[in-house]
C-alpha cells in the first residue's frame, strides 16, 4: 500500500470493489451443479431405463402380448424408480443446504451495488450468482422429484401390457 496502512490478512481497502458473489467460498461448485442437475438426471435415468424395459416386455416382436415376457417388470422398474427418487432427494437436500448458506448474499456487499437502487444493483453487478444457482437447484430438484414420484405411481396404477 502506498499510504503505509497495514490491513489485516484478507481485508481490502474500502475503495476496492468486492467480488459480485461473495458467498461463493461457502459452498462448492460441485454442490451447486449437483443441486441443479441431480433431479433432471435422475428423472432421465428413470425414463430411459424403465421405458425400454416395460415396452420390450410387452411388445418384443411385431404383435403386442397380453403379458410381459420379462419376469417382474414392476419390480425392476420400481427399483430403478426408488434409485431415481433417492437421487432427487439427495439433490434437493444438497441444494437446500447451499441455499441456506448463501441466502444472505445481497447487493450491499458488492462495491458498485451501493451506487444504484436495489433492483438495478442486483442486475448490473451480477451479484447473488451463488444464491441464484442454489435456489435454482432447489426448484429444479423439487420439480423433478414430483415428476419422478408421479412416474413411479404409474407402475402400480397402469397394467404393463394393457391393450
Protein backbone atom coordinates (compact mmCIF):
# COMPACT_ATOMS: atom_id res chain seq x y z
CA UNK A 1 0.00 0.00 0.00
CA UNK A 2 1.31 3.40 -0.84
CA UNK A 3 -0.12 5.19 2.21
CA UNK A 4 1.62 2.86 4.69
CA UNK A 5 -1.58 1.45 6.21
CA UNK A 6 -1.35 -2.25 7.04
CA UNK A 7 -4.62 -4.16 6.71
CA UNK A 8 -5.39 -7.46 8.41
CA UNK A 9 -4.89 -10.56 6.29
CA UNK A 10 -7.70 -10.93 3.73
CA UNK A 11 -9.04 -7.41 4.30
CA UNK A 12 -9.47 -4.97 1.41
CA UNK A 13 -9.38 -1.21 1.39
CA UNK A 14 -12.86 0.37 1.26
CA UNK A 15 -12.27 1.66 -2.26
CA UNK A 16 -11.54 -1.78 -3.71
CA UNK A 17 -14.72 -3.46 -5.06
CA UNK A 18 -15.69 -6.84 -3.67
CA UNK A 19 -16.43 -9.93 -5.73
CA UNK A 20 -20.02 -9.96 -7.04
CA UNK A 21 -20.64 -13.39 -5.44
CA UNK A 22 -19.02 -13.02 -2.00
CA UNK A 23 -20.55 -16.23 -0.61
CA UNK A 24 -19.05 -18.42 -3.34
CA UNK A 25 -16.47 -19.75 -0.89
CA UNK A 26 -19.16 -21.02 1.48
CA UNK A 27 -20.36 -23.75 -0.92
CA UNK A 28 -18.64 -25.91 -3.50
CA UNK A 29 -19.27 -25.53 -7.18
CA UNK A 30 -19.93 -29.28 -7.41
CA UNK A 31 -22.74 -28.96 -4.83
CA UNK A 32 -24.33 -26.14 -6.82
CA UNK A 33 -24.22 -28.07 -10.09
CA UNK A 34 -25.42 -31.30 -8.44
CA UNK A 35 -28.37 -29.39 -6.99
CA UNK A 36 -29.29 -28.04 -10.42
CA UNK A 37 -28.77 -31.20 -12.49
CA UNK A 38 -29.23 -34.05 -9.99
CA UNK A 39 -33.02 -34.13 -10.25
CA UNK A 40 -33.23 -33.90 -14.05
CA UNK A 41 -30.56 -36.58 -14.46
CA UNK A 42 -32.36 -38.90 -12.02
CA UNK A 43 -35.66 -38.46 -13.87
CA UNK A 44 -33.92 -39.02 -17.21
CA UNK A 45 -32.32 -42.24 -15.93
CA UNK A 46 -35.70 -43.43 -14.67
CA UNK A 47 -37.34 -42.73 -18.02
CA UNK A 48 -34.51 -44.07 -20.20
CA UNK A 49 -34.26 -47.33 -18.25
CA UNK A 50 -37.90 -48.05 -17.37
CA UNK A 51 -39.47 -47.25 -20.74
CA UNK A 52 -37.46 -49.80 -22.78
CA UNK A 53 -37.86 -52.49 -20.12
CA UNK A 54 -41.62 -52.08 -19.91
CA UNK A 55 -42.19 -51.66 -23.65
CA UNK A 56 -39.96 -54.54 -24.78
CA UNK A 57 -41.56 -56.86 -22.26
CA UNK A 58 -44.99 -56.29 -23.80
CA UNK A 59 -44.03 -55.76 -27.42
CA UNK A 60 -40.93 -57.86 -28.21
CA UNK A 61 -41.84 -58.52 -31.85
CA UNK A 62 -44.48 -57.30 -34.31
CA UNK A 63 -47.54 -58.14 -32.20
CA UNK A 64 -48.28 -56.93 -28.65
CA UNK A 65 -48.58 -59.57 -25.92
CA UNK A 66 -51.18 -59.98 -23.19
CA UNK A 67 -48.49 -60.42 -20.53
CA UNK A 68 -44.85 -59.42 -20.24
CA UNK A 69 -42.08 -61.75 -21.39
CA UNK A 70 -39.74 -60.16 -18.86
CA UNK A 71 -40.37 -61.50 -15.40
CA UNK A 72 -41.27 -58.98 -12.70
CA UNK A 73 -41.29 -55.84 -14.83
CA UNK A 74 -42.95 -53.92 -12.00
CA UNK A 75 -40.20 -54.94 -9.59
CA UNK A 76 -37.39 -53.90 -11.93
CA UNK A 77 -38.97 -50.57 -12.76
CA UNK A 78 -39.75 -49.96 -9.09
CA UNK A 79 -36.10 -50.46 -8.08
CA UNK A 80 -34.96 -48.03 -10.78
CA UNK A 81 -37.62 -45.55 -9.65
CA UNK A 82 -36.57 -45.78 -5.99
CA UNK A 83 -32.98 -45.07 -7.07
CA UNK A 84 -34.20 -42.01 -9.00
CA UNK A 85 -36.26 -40.78 -6.03
CA UNK A 86 -33.27 -41.13 -3.70
CA UNK A 87 -31.09 -39.20 -6.17
CA UNK A 88 -33.73 -36.44 -6.42
CA UNK A 89 -33.97 -36.27 -2.61
CA UNK A 90 -30.18 -36.00 -2.37
CA UNK A 91 -30.10 -33.19 -4.94
CA UNK A 92 -32.91 -31.38 -3.12
CA UNK A 93 -31.10 -31.73 0.20
CA UNK A 94 -27.77 -30.50 -1.18
CA UNK A 95 -29.34 -27.54 -2.97
CA UNK A 96 -31.40 -26.62 0.12
CA UNK A 97 -28.29 -26.61 2.28
CA UNK A 98 -26.38 -24.50 -0.23
CA UNK A 99 -29.27 -22.04 -0.45
CA UNK A 100 -29.42 -21.74 3.35
CA UNK A 101 -25.70 -20.94 3.40
CA UNK A 102 -25.92 -18.30 0.66
CA UNK A 103 -29.33 -16.70 1.06
CA UNK A 104 -27.82 -13.68 2.80
CA UNK A 105 -25.78 -12.73 -0.26
CA UNK A 106 -27.17 -9.35 -1.35
CA UNK A 107 -26.24 -6.25 -3.34
CA UNK A 108 -24.82 -4.17 -0.49
CA UNK A 109 -21.82 -6.48 -0.30
CA UNK A 110 -20.69 -5.57 -3.83
CA UNK A 111 -18.68 -2.44 -4.41
CA UNK A 112 -20.81 -0.97 -7.20
CA UNK A 113 -24.10 -2.06 -5.63
CA UNK A 114 -24.18 0.97 -3.34
CA UNK A 115 -24.47 3.37 -6.28
CA UNK A 116 -27.79 2.02 -7.61
CA UNK A 117 -31.20 1.16 -6.28
CA UNK A 118 -31.59 -2.46 -5.14
CA UNK A 119 -33.13 -3.86 -8.35
CA UNK A 120 -30.61 -2.16 -10.64
CA UNK A 121 -27.67 -3.14 -8.47
CA UNK A 122 -28.68 -6.76 -8.50
CA UNK A 123 -28.96 -6.79 -12.29
CA UNK A 124 -25.83 -4.72 -13.02
CA UNK A 125 -23.38 -6.19 -10.56
CA UNK A 126 -24.27 -9.82 -11.26
CA UNK A 127 -24.39 -10.33 -7.54
CA UNK A 128 -26.03 -13.29 -5.94
CA UNK A 129 -24.95 -15.85 -8.53
CA UNK A 130 -24.26 -18.44 -5.86
CA UNK A 131 -27.62 -17.81 -4.22
CA UNK A 132 -29.36 -17.93 -7.61
CA UNK A 133 -27.74 -21.25 -8.51
CA UNK A 134 -28.65 -22.71 -5.12
CA UNK A 135 -32.29 -21.60 -5.37
CA UNK A 136 -32.48 -22.83 -8.97
CA UNK A 137 -31.26 -26.20 -7.71
CA UNK A 138 -33.98 -26.31 -5.05
CA UNK A 139 -36.69 -25.57 -7.62
CA UNK A 140 -35.33 -27.97 -10.26
CA UNK A 141 -34.80 -30.80 -7.79
CA UNK A 142 -38.25 -30.43 -6.26
CA UNK A 143 -39.89 -30.30 -9.68
CA UNK A 144 -38.17 -33.47 -10.86
CA UNK A 145 -38.78 -35.17 -7.51
CA UNK A 146 -42.52 -34.67 -8.06
CA UNK A 147 -42.25 -35.94 -11.65
CA UNK A 148 -40.30 -38.99 -10.50
CA UNK A 149 -42.87 -39.82 -7.81
CA UNK A 150 -45.76 -39.48 -10.27
CA UNK A 151 -43.96 -41.67 -12.78
CA UNK A 152 -43.32 -44.24 -10.03
CA UNK A 153 -47.02 -44.26 -9.14
CA UNK A 154 -47.84 -45.21 -12.73
CA UNK A 155 -46.07 -48.55 -12.15
CA UNK A 156 -48.86 -49.57 -9.79
CA UNK A 157 -51.77 -47.76 -11.49
CA UNK A 158 -51.29 -48.92 -15.10
CA UNK A 159 -51.09 -52.50 -16.26
CA UNK A 160 -47.80 -53.01 -18.14
CA UNK A 161 -49.38 -54.83 -21.09
CA UNK A 162 -52.80 -53.22 -21.18
CA UNK A 163 -54.32 -53.20 -24.63
